[in-house]
Amino acid sequence: MTVVDAGDPRNAPASGVHGLLSRDGIPPGELLRMGREEVAAYGGQVVVDRAVAARRDGERFLVDTAGGRRYAARRLLVSTGLADRLPDVAGLRERWGRDVLHCPYCHGWEVRDQRIGVLATGPAAVHQALLFRQLSADVTVFTHTAGDLDVEQRERLAACGVGVVEGPVTAVEVDDDRLTGVRLASGRRVPAQALVVAPRFEARDGLPADLGLTAVEHPMGVGCHVESGAGGLTGVAGVWVAGDVTDLMGGVPAAAAAGVRAAAAINADLVAADADAAVARRREGRRHKDGGAGAFGPAGEAAVCELVAGERRHGLESLLPPGPPQE
């Protein structure tokens, strides 16, 4: 088993991973390091490189990397993740994953009891504000590009003690590497220590598109993802997906669980394929025997099974040099 990983996970800007039982707060880079060691301990290999193209070649797949290498595989698990498309506000990207955040479950505890602003870009802003109101008594919604809040929305916010500031936001202000406020188009500055945003989540669909998969709009309207069925199986035979590329709302724990489910599904598929191949060879041997072309008794059948098992033990992927694949 070979994992091609560029080493730049989506959560790299964050100081820690949360919601992962027994590893709460672990730095993303440390979690990645530990994961690579565990893969190696089970006989897998992790290639530090970026996959840039993938295609089917007969009964296998070929994956090319930015480093000029090519890998062949009988099955593919695509876990390319997603990209966070942030609102167009000066300074926002630089604070992303630190004091600019979107999920109360991923980073909310770290900003508890602080002055929290919510940048409204759609109807979900009121829900976000109420979620963060659990963590702080000082929450303000900036209407920004969401348009006017209706009467019911304003009533709910007011009843929960959430303030509303009208007008678009043009920039976030920082002092001593800390978010200190929000600047409006009017020139008004409003103090804030954390700013909640609603990114658009977009599946990194380069490789899926190469393989014939198309990212589609998520039912919740928060971005696009690659659809999959049970265990991550896609509509393309031999290709599975797991993690953020298919589950936009999952986070690290859900992505890890999806990887386990997909791995089990792929393993079961390969076992079935190997058994089918063994049966086909056994039948072919019997035809030879019936035709006088030589015996294919128990010893011969065992040899076929050992050949198939040996191929499995030596890995499902093989490294090939650039250029036409070599057999």
C-alpha atoms as a PDB file:
ATOM      1  CA  MET A   1       0.000   0.000   0.000  1.00  0.00           C
ATOM      2  CA  THR A   2       1.352   3.391  -1.027  1.00  0.00           C
ATOM      3  CA  VAL A   3       0.208   6.803   0.191  1.00  0.00           C
ATOM      4  CA  VAL A   4       1.166   9.857  -1.853  1.00  0.00           C
ATOM      5  CA  ASP A   5       0.983  12.887   0.435  1.00  0.00           C
ATOM      6  CA  ALA A   6       2.280  16.415  -0.159  1.00  0.00           C
ATOM      7  CA  GLY A   7       2.225  17.172   3.565  1.00  0.00           C
ATOM      8  CA  ASP A   8       0.071  20.321   3.485  1.00  0.00           C
ATOM      9  CA  PRO A   9      -3.226  19.371   5.150  1.00  0.00           C
ATOM     10  CA  ARG A  10      -6.149  21.760   5.207  1.00  0.00           C
ATOM     11  CA  ASN A  11      -5.795  22.240   8.964  1.00  0.00           C
ATOM     12  CA  ALA A  12      -2.102  23.198   8.785  1.00  0.00           C
ATOM     13  CA  PRO A  13      -2.722  26.823   9.970  1.00  0.00           C
ATOM     14  CA  ALA A  14      -4.427  25.620  13.157  1.00  0.00           C
ATOM     15  CA  SER A  15      -2.504  25.242  16.394  1.00  0.00           C
ATOM     16  CA  GLY A  16      -4.222  21.991  17.285  1.00  0.00           C
ATOM     17  CA  VAL A  17      -6.669  19.292  16.233  1.00  0.00           C
ATOM     18  CA  HIS A  18      -9.823  19.015  18.332  1.00  0.00           C
ATOM     19  CA  GLY A  19     -12.529  16.416  18.732  1.00  0.00           C
ATOM     20  CA  LEU A  20     -10.063  13.557  18.231  1.00  0.00           C
ATOM     21  CA  LEU A  21     -10.397  11.333  21.284  1.00  0.00           C
ATOM     22  CA  SER A  22      -7.117  10.953  23.240  1.00  0.00           C
ATOM     23  CA  ARG A  23      -5.307  13.373  20.910  1.00  0.00           C
ATOM     24  CA  ASP A  24      -7.171  16.613  21.608  1.00  0.00           C
ATOM     25  CA  GLY A  25      -5.048  19.665  20.830  1.00  0.00           C
ATOM     26  CA  ILE A  26      -2.305  17.778  19.026  1.00  0.00           C
ATOM     27  CA  PRO A  27      -0.585  19.982  16.375  1.00  0.00           C
ATOM     28  CA  PRO A  28      -1.623  18.941  12.851  1.00  0.00           C
ATOM     29  CA  GLY A  29       1.987  18.345  11.831  1.00  0.00           C
ATOM     30  CA  GLU A  30       2.577  16.034  14.773  1.00  0.00           C
ATOM     31  CA  LEU A  31      -0.569  14.038  13.990  1.00  0.00           C
ATOM     32  CA  LEU A  32       0.636  13.686  10.404  1.00  0.00           C
ATOM     33  CA  ARG A  33       4.079  12.497  11.561  1.00  0.00           C
ATOM     34  CA  MET A  34       2.574   9.891  13.862  1.00  0.00           C
ATOM     35  CA  GLY A  35       0.239   8.691  11.134  1.00  0.00           C
ATOM     36  CA  ARG A  36       3.090   8.182   8.700  1.00  0.00           C
ATOM     37  CA  GLU A  37       4.994   6.140  11.265  1.00  0.00           C
ATOM     38  CA  GLU A  38       1.958   3.928  11.835  1.00  0.00           C
ATOM     39  CA  VAL A  39       1.534   3.347   8.092  1.00  0.00           C
ATOM     40  CA  ALA A  40       5.186   2.284   7.835  1.00  0.00           C
ATOM     41  CA  ALA A  41       4.807  -0.046  10.839  1.00  0.00           C
ATOM     42  CA  TYR A  42       2.122  -1.968   8.927  1.00  0.00           C
ATOM     43  CA  GLY A  43       4.281  -2.335   5.825  1.00  0.00           C
ATOM     44  CA  GLY A  44       2.939   0.608   3.856  1.00  0.00           C
ATOM     45  CA  GLN A  45       4.979   3.407   2.363  1.00  0.00           C
ATOM     46  CA  VAL A  46       4.334   7.147   2.420  1.00  0.00           C
ATOM     47  CA  VAL A  47       5.730   9.107  -0.500  1.00  0.00           C
ATOM     48  CA  VAL A  48       6.191  12.803   0.214  1.00  0.00           C
ATOM     49  CA  ASP A  49       5.065  14.175  -3.142  1.00  0.00           C
ATOM     50  CA  ARG A  50       2.006  15.660  -4.803  1.00  0.00           C
ATOM     51  CA  ALA A  51      -0.224  13.615  -7.098  1.00  0.00           C
ATOM     52  CA  VAL A  52      -0.942  15.723 -10.176  1.00  0.00           C
ATOM     53  CA  ALA A  53      -2.693  13.310 -12.551  1.00  0.00           C
ATOM     54  CA  ALA A  54      -4.461   9.965 -12.452  1.00  0.00           C
ATOM     55  CA  ARG A  55      -5.943   7.751 -15.148  1.00  0.00           C
ATOM     56  CA  ARG A  56      -7.101   4.228 -15.806  1.00  0.00           C
ATOM     57  CA  ASP A  57      -4.773   1.957 -17.757  1.00  0.00           C
ATOM     58  CA  GLY A  58      -6.535  -1.311 -18.485  1.00  0.00           C
ATOM     59  CA  GLU A  59      -7.133  -3.112 -15.182  1.00  0.00           C
ATOM     60  CA  ARG A  60      -5.114  -0.662 -13.113  1.00  0.00           C
ATOM     61  CA  PHE A  61      -4.652   3.030 -12.450  1.00  0.00           C
ATOM     62  CA  LEU A  62      -1.609   5.199 -13.046  1.00  0.00           C
ATOM     63  CA  VAL A  63      -0.860   8.160 -10.787  1.00  0.00           C
ATOM     64  CA  ASP A  64       1.745  10.762 -11.734  1.00  0.00           C
ATOM     65  CA  THR A  65       3.384  13.053  -9.186  1.00  0.00           C
ATOM     66  CA  ALA A  66       4.924  16.504  -9.275  1.00  0.00           C
ATOM     67  CA  GLY A  67       8.273  14.847  -8.555  1.00  0.00           C
ATOM     68  CA  GLY A  68       8.162  12.993 -11.873  1.00  0.00           C
ATOM     69  CA  ARG A  69       7.308   9.558 -10.531  1.00  0.00           C
ATOM     70  CA  ARG A  70       4.542   7.220 -11.581  1.00  0.00           C
ATOM     71  CA  TYR A  71       2.671   4.713  -9.451  1.00  0.00           C
ATOM     72  CA  ALA A  72       0.400   1.884 -10.536  1.00  0.00           C
ATOM     73  CA  ALA A  73      -2.458   0.583  -8.413  1.00  0.00           C
ATOM     74  CA  ARG A  74      -5.277  -1.902  -8.696  1.00  0.00           C
ATOM     75  CA  ARG A  75      -7.567   0.349  -6.643  1.00  0.00           C
ATOM     76  CA  LEU A  76      -7.499   4.030  -5.704  1.00  0.00           C
ATOM     77  CA  LEU A  77      -8.562   5.859  -2.573  1.00  0.00           C
ATOM     78  CA  VAL A  78      -8.787   9.605  -3.244  1.00  0.00           C
ATOM     79  CA  SER A  79      -8.579  11.798  -0.150  1.00  0.00           C
ATOM     80  CA  THR A  80      -7.459  15.097  -1.641  1.00  0.00           C
ATOM     81  CA  GLY A  81      -9.515  17.169   0.802  1.00  0.00           C
ATOM     82  CA  LEU A  82     -11.019  20.559   0.112  1.00  0.00           C
ATOM     83  CA  ALA A  83     -10.106  24.225  -0.177  1.00  0.00           C
ATOM     84  CA  ASP A  84     -11.642  26.946   2.000  1.00  0.00           C
ATOM     85  CA  ARG A  85     -12.741  29.926  -0.116  1.00  0.00           C
ATOM     86  CA  LEU A  86     -12.852  32.846   2.299  1.00  0.00           C
ATOM     87  CA  PRO A  87     -14.789  36.113   1.974  1.00  0.00           C
ATOM     88  CA  ASP A  88     -12.886  38.920   0.248  1.00  0.00           C
ATOM     89  CA  VAL A  89     -11.803  40.937   3.285  1.00  0.00           C
ATOM     90  CA  ALA A  90      -8.296  42.354   3.664  1.00  0.00           C
ATOM     91  CA  GLY A  91      -6.175  40.436   6.158  1.00  0.00           C
ATOM     92  CA  LEU A  92      -8.642  37.590   6.595  1.00  0.00           C
ATOM     93  CA  ARG A  93      -6.600  34.844   4.964  1.00  0.00           C
ATOM     94  CA  GLU A  94      -3.544  35.605   7.091  1.00  0.00           C
ATOM     95  CA  ARG A  95      -5.528  35.013  10.296  1.00  0.00           C
ATOM     96  CA  TRP A  96      -7.345  31.918   9.051  1.00  0.00           C
ATOM     97  CA  GLY A  97      -7.221  28.998  11.458  1.00  0.00           C
ATOM     98  CA  ARG A  98      -6.033  31.218  14.274  1.00  0.00           C
ATOM     99  CA  ASP A  99      -8.436  33.976  15.351  1.00  0.00           C
ATOM    100  CA  VAL A 100     -10.463  33.834  12.125  1.00  0.00           C
ATOM    101  CA  LEU A 101     -12.470  30.610  12.278  1.00  0.00           C
ATOM    102  CA  HIS A 102     -15.754  29.016  11.298  1.00  0.00           C
ATOM    103  CA  CYS A 103     -16.501  26.019  13.523  1.00  0.00           C
ATOM    104  CA  PRO A 104     -17.374  26.216  17.228  1.00  0.00           C
ATOM    105  CA  TYR A 105     -16.509  22.561  17.641  1.00  0.00           C
ATOM    106  CA  CYS A 106     -13.056  22.830  16.047  1.00  0.00           C
ATOM    107  CA  HIS A 107     -11.851  26.116  17.558  1.00  0.00           C
ATOM    108  CA  GLY A 108     -14.653  27.582  19.649  1.00  0.00           C
ATOM    109  CA  TRP A 109     -13.300  26.655  23.083  1.00  0.00           C
ATOM    110  CA  GLU A 110     -10.092  28.572  22.365  1.00  0.00           C
ATOM    111  CA  VAL A 111     -12.015  31.854  21.917  1.00  0.00           C
ATOM    112  CA  ARG A 112     -14.459  31.411  24.790  1.00  0.00           C
ATOM    113  CA  ASP A 113     -15.286  34.569  26.767  1.00  0.00           C
ATOM    114  CA  GLN A 114     -13.698  36.771  24.095  1.00  0.00           C
ATOM    115  CA  ARG A 115     -15.209  39.465  21.884  1.00  0.00           C
ATOM    116  CA  ILE A 116     -16.440  37.435  18.928  1.00  0.00           C
ATOM    117  CA  GLY A 117     -17.641  38.879  15.625  1.00  0.00           C
ATOM    118  CA  VAL A 118     -19.632  36.942  13.040  1.00  0.00           C
ATOM    119  CA  LEU A 119     -19.149  37.988   9.409  1.00  0.00           C
ATOM    120  CA  ALA A 120     -22.528  37.441   7.760  1.00  0.00           C
ATOM    121  CA  THR A 121     -22.345  36.287   4.149  1.00  0.00           C
ATOM    122  CA  GLY A 122     -25.560  34.263   4.083  1.00  0.00           C
ATOM    123  CA  PRO A 123     -28.508  32.953   6.100  1.00  0.00           C
ATOM    124  CA  ALA A 124     -26.293  30.617   8.174  1.00  0.00           C
ATOM    125  CA  ALA A 125     -24.762  33.593  10.001  1.00  0.00           C
ATOM    126  CA  VAL A 126     -27.563  33.762  12.575  1.00  0.00           C
ATOM    127  CA  HIS A 127     -27.098  30.086  13.379  1.00  0.00           C
ATOM    128  CA  GLN A 128     -23.338  30.603  13.712  1.00  0.00           C
ATOM    129  CA  ALA A 129     -23.889  33.541  16.055  1.00  0.00           C
ATOM    130  CA  LEU A 130     -26.166  31.502  18.307  1.00  0.00           C
ATOM    131  CA  LEU A 131     -23.643  28.667  18.415  1.00  0.00           C
ATOM    132  CA  PHE A 132     -20.843  30.985  19.490  1.00  0.00           C
ATOM    133  CA  ARG A 133     -23.142  32.730  21.948  1.00  0.00           C
ATOM    134  CA  GLN A 134     -22.798  29.563  24.031  1.00  0.00           C
ATOM    135  CA  LEU A 135     -19.121  30.376  24.420  1.00  0.00           C
ATOM    136  CA  SER A 136     -19.177  34.125  24.995  1.00  0.00           C
ATOM    137  CA  ALA A 137     -21.514  36.830  26.239  1.00  0.00           C
ATOM    138  CA  ASP A 138     -19.993  39.281  23.740  1.00  0.00           C
ATOM    139  CA  VAL A 139     -21.048  38.252  20.217  1.00  0.00           C
ATOM    140  CA  THR A 140     -21.739  40.675  17.361  1.00  0.00           C
ATOM    141  CA  VAL A 141     -23.077  39.969  13.872  1.00  0.00           C
ATOM    142  CA  PHE A 142     -21.677  42.139  11.063  1.00  0.00           C
ATOM    143  CA  THR A 143     -24.271  42.103   8.278  1.00  0.00           C
ATOM    144  CA  HIS A 144     -21.536  42.524   5.625  1.00  0.00           C
ATOM    145  CA  THR A 145     -22.882  40.985   2.365  1.00  0.00           C
ATOM    146  CA  ALA A 146     -25.774  38.967   3.821  1.00  0.00           C
ATOM    147  CA  GLY A 147     -28.291  41.758   3.270  1.00  0.00           C
ATOM    148  CA  ASP A 148     -30.955  42.785   5.716  1.00  0.00           C
ATOM    149  CA  LEU A 149     -31.816  40.433   8.538  1.00  0.00           C
ATOM    150  CA  ASP A 150     -35.528  39.776   8.786  1.00  0.00           C
ATOM    151  CA  VAL A 151     -37.637  40.579  11.837  1.00  0.00           C
ATOM    152  CA  GLU A 152     -37.555  37.047  13.216  1.00  0.00           C
ATOM    153  CA  GLN A 153     -33.769  36.791  12.878  1.00  0.00           C
ATOM    154  CA  ARG A 154     -33.252  40.103  14.646  1.00  0.00           C
ATOM    155  CA  GLU A 155     -35.615  39.083  17.412  1.00  0.00           C
ATOM    156  CA  ARG A 156     -33.763  35.829  18.005  1.00  0.00           C
ATOM    157  CA  LEU A 157     -30.409  37.585  18.134  1.00  0.00           C
ATOM    158  CA  ALA A 158     -31.693  40.301  20.454  1.00  0.00           C
ATOM    159  CA  ALA A 159     -33.303  37.780  22.772  1.00  0.00           C
ATOM    160  CA  CYS A 160     -29.967  35.990  23.104  1.00  0.00           C
ATOM    161  CA  GLY A 161     -27.980  39.176  23.635  1.00  0.00           C
ATOM    162  CA  VAL A 162     -26.247  39.205  20.247  1.00  0.00           C
ATOM    163  CA  GLY A 163     -25.521  42.631  18.779  1.00  0.00           C
ATOM    164  CA  VAL A 164     -25.878  43.601  15.115  1.00  0.00           C
ATOM    165  CA  VAL A 165     -23.625  46.028  13.203  1.00  0.00           C
ATOM    166  CA  GLU A 166     -24.798  47.121   9.773  1.00  0.00           C
ATOM    167  CA  GLY A 167     -22.628  47.573   6.704  1.00  0.00           C
ATOM    168  CA  PRO A 168     -19.867  45.755   4.821  1.00  0.00           C
ATOM    169  CA  VAL A 169     -16.533  44.897   6.420  1.00  0.00           C
ATOM    170  CA  THR A 170     -13.390  45.864   4.491  1.00  0.00           C
ATOM    171  CA  ALA A 171     -10.555  44.639   6.713  1.00  0.00           C
ATOM    172  CA  VAL A 172      -9.526  42.996   9.944  1.00  0.00           C
ATOM    173  CA  GLU A 173      -7.057  44.823  12.150  1.00  0.00           C
ATOM    174  CA  VAL A 174      -4.147  43.179  13.906  1.00  0.00           C
ATOM    175  CA  ASP A 175      -1.802  44.332  16.649  1.00  0.00           C
ATOM    176  CA  ASP A 176       1.130  42.315  18.004  1.00  0.00           C
ATOM    177  CA  ASP A 177       0.032  39.300  15.946  1.00  0.00           C
ATOM    178  CA  ARG A 178      -3.458  39.319  17.458  1.00  0.00           C
ATOM    179  CA  LEU A 179      -6.803  40.243  15.935  1.00  0.00           C
ATOM    180  CA  THR A 180      -7.993  43.433  17.591  1.00  0.00           C
ATOM    181  CA  GLY A 181     -10.867  44.707  15.489  1.00  0.00           C
ATOM    182  CA  VAL A 182     -12.955  44.908  12.355  1.00  0.00           C
ATOM    183  CA  ARG A 183     -12.931  47.894   9.974  1.00  0.00           C
ATOM    184  CA  LEU A 184     -16.165  48.801   8.174  1.00  0.00           C
ATOM    185  CA  ALA A 185     -16.478  50.495   4.799  1.00  0.00           C
ATOM    186  CA  SER A 186     -17.792  53.539   6.666  1.00  0.00           C
ATOM    187  CA  GLY A 187     -14.449  53.797   8.450  1.00  0.00           C
ATOM    188  CA  ARG A 188     -15.855  52.708  11.776  1.00  0.00           C
ATOM    189  CA  ARG A 189     -13.722  50.333  13.810  1.00  0.00           C
ATOM    190  CA  VAL A 190     -15.369  47.717  16.020  1.00  0.00           C
ATOM    191  CA  PRO A 191     -13.234  45.829  18.577  1.00  0.00           C
ATOM    192  CA  ALA A 192     -13.072  42.052  18.161  1.00  0.00           C
ATOM    193  CA  GLN A 193     -10.738  39.316  19.307  1.00  0.00           C
ATOM    194  CA  ALA A 194     -12.061  36.590  17.029  1.00  0.00           C
ATOM    195  CA  LEU A 195     -14.012  36.643  13.780  1.00  0.00           C
ATOM    196  CA  VAL A 196     -16.295  33.864  12.615  1.00  0.00           C
ATOM    197  CA  VAL A 197     -16.695  33.415   8.860  1.00  0.00           C
ATOM    198  CA  ALA A 198     -18.527  31.028   6.540  1.00  0.00           C
ATOM    199  CA  PRO A 199     -16.121  29.830   3.840  1.00  0.00           C
ATOM    200  CA  ARG A 200     -17.281  28.116   0.711  1.00  0.00           C
ATOM    201  CA  PHE A 201     -15.969  24.559   0.830  1.00  0.00           C
ATOM    202  CA  GLU A 202     -14.731  23.283  -2.518  1.00  0.00           C
ATOM    203  CA  ALA A 203     -13.443  19.771  -3.097  1.00  0.00           C
ATOM    204  CA  ARG A 204      -9.986  19.652  -4.586  1.00  0.00           C
ATOM    205  CA  ASP A 205     -11.214  17.964  -7.712  1.00  0.00           C
ATOM    206  CA  GLY A 206      -8.134  17.751  -9.976  1.00  0.00           C
ATOM    207  CA  LEU A 207      -7.577  14.022  -9.583  1.00  0.00           C
ATOM    208  CA  PRO A 208     -11.273  13.100  -9.302  1.00  0.00           C
ATOM    209  CA  ALA A 209     -11.927  14.954 -12.567  1.00  0.00           C
ATOM    210  CA  ASP A 210      -9.106  13.014 -14.264  1.00  0.00           C
ATOM    211  CA  LEU A 211     -10.804   9.810 -13.202  1.00  0.00           C
ATOM    212  CA  GLY A 212     -14.229  10.829 -14.477  1.00  0.00           C
ATOM    213  CA  LEU A 213     -15.677  12.083 -11.196  1.00  0.00           C
ATOM    214  CA  THR A 214     -17.413  15.439 -11.023  1.00  0.00           C
ATOM    215  CA  ALA A 215     -17.754  17.609  -7.933  1.00  0.00           C
ATOM    216  CA  VAL A 216     -21.367  18.646  -7.385  1.00  0.00           C
ATOM    217  CA  GLU A 217     -23.093  21.166  -5.141  1.00  0.00           C
ATOM    218  CA  HIS A 218     -23.555  19.971  -1.581  1.00  0.00           C
ATOM    219  CA  PRO A 219     -27.206  19.619  -0.452  1.00  0.00           C
ATOM    220  CA  MET A 220     -26.621  22.194   2.304  1.00  0.00           C
ATOM    221  CA  GLY A 221     -25.395  24.782  -0.203  1.00  0.00           C
ATOM    222  CA  VAL A 222     -22.037  25.247   1.545  1.00  0.00           C
ATOM    223  CA  GLY A 223     -19.848  24.201  -1.375  1.00  0.00           C
ATOM    224  CA  CYS A 224     -19.160  21.292  -3.702  1.00  0.00           C
ATOM    225  CA  HIS A 225     -18.103  17.719  -3.036  1.00  0.00           C
ATOM    226  CA  VAL A 226     -17.571  14.375  -4.753  1.00  0.00           C
ATOM    227  CA  GLU A 227     -20.562  12.140  -4.121  1.00  0.00           C
ATOM    228  CA  SER A 228     -19.986   8.650  -2.764  1.00  0.00           C
ATOM    229  CA  GLY A 229     -21.924   5.689  -1.476  1.00  0.00           C
ATOM    230  CA  ALA A 230     -21.377   3.280   1.394  1.00  0.00           C
ATOM    231  CA  GLY A 231     -17.707   2.909   2.277  1.00  0.00           C
ATOM    232  CA  GLY A 232     -16.768   5.780  -0.016  1.00  0.00           C
ATOM    233  CA  LEU A 233     -17.417   3.937  -3.276  1.00  0.00           C
ATOM    234  CA  THR A 234     -17.844   6.295  -6.230  1.00  0.00           C
ATOM    235  CA  GLY A 235     -19.533   5.881  -9.576  1.00  0.00           C
ATOM    236  CA  VAL A 236     -16.176   4.959 -11.129  1.00  0.00           C
ATOM    237  CA  ALA A 237     -15.239   1.313 -10.714  1.00  0.00           C
ATOM    238  CA  GLY A 238     -12.144   0.855  -8.575  1.00  0.00           C
ATOM    239  CA  VAL A 239     -12.172   4.368  -7.111  1.00  0.00           C
ATOM    240  CA  TRP A 240     -13.126   5.280  -3.540  1.00  0.00           C
ATOM    241  CA  VAL A 241     -13.108   8.638  -1.778  1.00  0.00           C
ATOM    242  CA  ALA A 242     -12.798   9.539   1.899  1.00  0.00           C
ATOM    243  CA  GLY A 243     -12.553  12.644   4.034  1.00  0.00           C
ATOM    244  CA  ASP A 244     -13.334  16.248   3.206  1.00  0.00           C
ATOM    245  CA  VAL A 245     -13.413  15.677  -0.552  1.00  0.00           C
ATOM    246  CA  THR A 246     -16.762  13.916  -0.070  1.00  0.00           C
ATOM    247  CA  ASP A 247     -17.842  14.971   3.460  1.00  0.00           C
ATOM    248  CA  LEU A 248     -17.552  18.753   3.708  1.00  0.00           C
ATOM    249  CA  MET A 249     -18.758  18.919   7.310  1.00  0.00           C
ATOM    250  CA  GLY A 250     -16.886  15.987   8.835  1.00  0.00           C
ATOM    251  CA  GLY A 251     -13.622  17.210  10.335  1.00  0.00           C
ATOM    252  CA  VAL A 252     -10.632  15.102  11.362  1.00  0.00           C
ATOM    253  CA  PRO A 253     -12.429  12.386  13.395  1.00  0.00           C
ATOM    254  CA  ALA A 254     -15.000  11.769  10.664  1.00  0.00           C
ATOM    255  CA  ALA A 255     -12.307  11.758   7.963  1.00  0.00           C
ATOM    256  CA  ALA A 256     -10.280   9.162   9.868  1.00  0.00           C
ATOM    257  CA  ALA A 257     -13.349   6.969  10.333  1.00  0.00           C
ATOM    258  CA  ALA A 258     -14.220   7.282   6.645  1.00  0.00           C
ATOM    259  CA  GLY A 259     -10.698   6.191   5.742  1.00  0.00           C
ATOM    260  CA  VAL A 260     -11.090   3.037   7.823  1.00  0.00           C
ATOM    261  CA  ARG A 261     -14.437   2.214   6.186  1.00  0.00           C
ATOM    262  CA  ALA A 262     -13.043   2.797   2.706  1.00  0.00           C
ATOM    263  CA  ALA A 263      -9.960   0.691   3.425  1.00  0.00           C
ATOM    264  CA  ALA A 264     -12.129  -2.227   4.575  1.00  0.00           C
ATOM    265  CA  ALA A 265     -14.313  -1.901   1.470  1.00  0.00           C
ATOM    266  CA  ILE A 266     -11.278  -1.834  -0.830  1.00  0.00           C
ATOM    267  CA  ASN A 267      -9.750  -4.840   0.908  1.00  0.00           C
ATOM    268  CA  ALA A 268     -12.985  -6.804   0.539  1.00  0.00           C
ATOM    269  CA  ASP A 269     -13.142  -5.874  -3.144  1.00  0.00           C
ATOM    270  CA  LEU A 270      -9.570  -7.040  -3.718  1.00  0.00           C
ATOM    271  CA  VAL A 271     -10.152 -10.308  -1.868  1.00  0.00           C
ATOM    272  CA  ALA A 272     -13.155 -11.000  -4.087  1.00  0.00           C
ATOM    273  CA  ALA A 273     -11.147 -10.143  -7.201  1.00  0.00           C
ATOM    274  CA  ASP A 274      -8.307 -12.439  -6.126  1.00  0.00           C
ATOM    275  CA  ALA A 275     -10.733 -15.276  -5.463  1.00  0.00           C
ATOM    276  CA  ASP A 276     -12.306 -14.756  -8.888  1.00  0.00           C
ATOM    277  CA  ALA A 277      -8.843 -14.910 -10.465  1.00  0.00           C
ATOM    278  CA  ALA A 278      -7.987 -18.110  -8.574  1.00  0.00           C
ATOM    279  CA  VAL A 279     -11.237 -19.745  -9.694  1.00  0.00           C
ATOM    280  CA  ALA A 280     -10.598 -18.741 -13.310  1.00  0.00           C
ATOM    281  CA  ARG A 281      -7.101 -20.231 -13.231  1.00  0.00           C
ATOM    282  CA  ARG A 282      -8.380 -23.397 -11.594  1.00  0.00           C
ATOM    283  CA  ARG A 283     -10.976 -23.847 -14.303  1.00  0.00           C
ATOM    284  CA  GLU A 284      -8.377 -23.172 -16.975  1.00  0.00           C
ATOM    285  CA  GLY A 285      -6.151 -25.837 -15.414  1.00  0.00           C
ATOM    286  CA  ARG A 286      -8.965 -28.331 -15.474  1.00  0.00           C
ATOM    287  CA  ARG A 287      -9.585 -27.628 -19.144  1.00  0.00           C
ATOM    288  CA  HIS A 288      -5.916 -28.303 -19.834  1.00  0.00           C
ATOM    289  CA  LYS A 289      -6.114 -31.523 -17.854  1.00  0.00           C
ATOM    290  CA  ASP A 290      -9.210 -32.709 -19.683  1.00  0.00           C
ATOM    291  CA  GLY A 291      -7.523 -31.893 -22.955  1.00  0.00           C
ATOM    292  CA  GLY A 292      -4.373 -33.826 -22.093  1.00  0.00           C
ATOM    293  CA  ALA A 293      -2.239 -30.750 -21.695  1.00  0.00           C
ATOM    294  CA  GLY A 294      -0.949 -31.777 -18.256  1.00  0.00           C
ATOM    295  CA  ALA A 295      -2.268 -32.251 -14.744  1.00  0.00           C
ATOM    296  CA  PHE A 296      -3.565 -29.461 -12.567  1.00  0.00           C
ATOM    297  CA  GLY A 297      -4.108 -31.184  -9.270  1.00  0.00           C
ATOM    298  CA  PRO A 298      -4.163 -29.917  -5.689  1.00  0.00           C
ATOM    299  CA  ALA A 299      -0.503 -28.898  -5.813  1.00  0.00           C
ATOM    300  CA  GLY A 300      -1.090 -26.778  -8.897  1.00  0.00           C
ATOM    301  CA  GLU A 301      -4.157 -25.154  -7.387  1.00  0.00           C
ATOM    302  CA  ALA A 302      -2.199 -24.335  -4.229  1.00  0.00           C
ATOM    303  CA  ALA A 303       0.516 -22.738  -6.338  1.00  0.00           C
ATOM    304  CA  VAL A 304      -2.026 -20.464  -8.010  1.00  0.00           C
ATOM    305  CA  CYS A 305      -3.433 -19.393  -4.651  1.00  0.00           C
ATOM    306  CA  GLU A 306       0.067 -18.738  -3.330  1.00  0.00           C
ATOM    307  CA  LEU A 307       0.861 -16.646  -6.410  1.00  0.00           C
ATOM    308  CA  VAL A 308      -2.206 -14.477  -5.842  1.00  0.00           C
ATOM    309  CA  ALA A 309      -1.481 -14.164  -2.122  1.00  0.00           C
ATOM    310  CA  GLY A 310       2.134 -13.288  -2.843  1.00  0.00           C
ATOM    311  CA  GLU A 311       1.076 -10.461  -5.113  1.00  0.00           C
ATOM    312  CA  ARG A 312      -1.116  -9.140  -2.276  1.00  0.00           C
ATOM    313  CA  ARG A 313       1.670  -9.373   0.316  1.00  0.00           C
ATOM    314  CA  HIS A 314       4.049  -7.364  -1.828  1.00  0.00           C
ATOM    315  CA  GLY A 315       1.630  -4.455  -2.057  1.00  0.00           C
ATOM    316  CA  LEU A 316      -1.225  -3.264  -4.165  1.00  0.00           C
ATOM    317  CA  GLU A 317       0.817  -0.521  -5.787  1.00  0.00           C
ATOM    318  CA  SER A 318       4.136  -0.609  -7.636  1.00  0.00           C
ATOM    319  CA  LEU A 319       6.576   2.163  -8.462  1.00  0.00           C
ATOM    320  CA  LEU A 320       7.117   2.713 -12.148  1.00  0.00           C
ATOM    321  CA  PRO A 321       9.571   5.043 -13.876  1.00  0.00           C
ATOM    322  CA  PRO A 322       8.207   8.009 -15.824  1.00  0.00           C
ATOM    323  CA  GLY A 323       7.006   7.222 -19.306  1.00  0.00           C
ATOM    324  CA  PRO A 324       5.102   4.197 -20.590  1.00  0.00           C
ATOM    325  CA  PRO A 325       4.283   1.782 -17.786  1.00  0.00           C
ATOM    326  CA  GLN A 326       6.498  -1.269 -17.583  1.00  0.00           C
ATOM    327  CA  GLU A 327       5.104  -4.684 -16.912  1.00  0.00           C
END
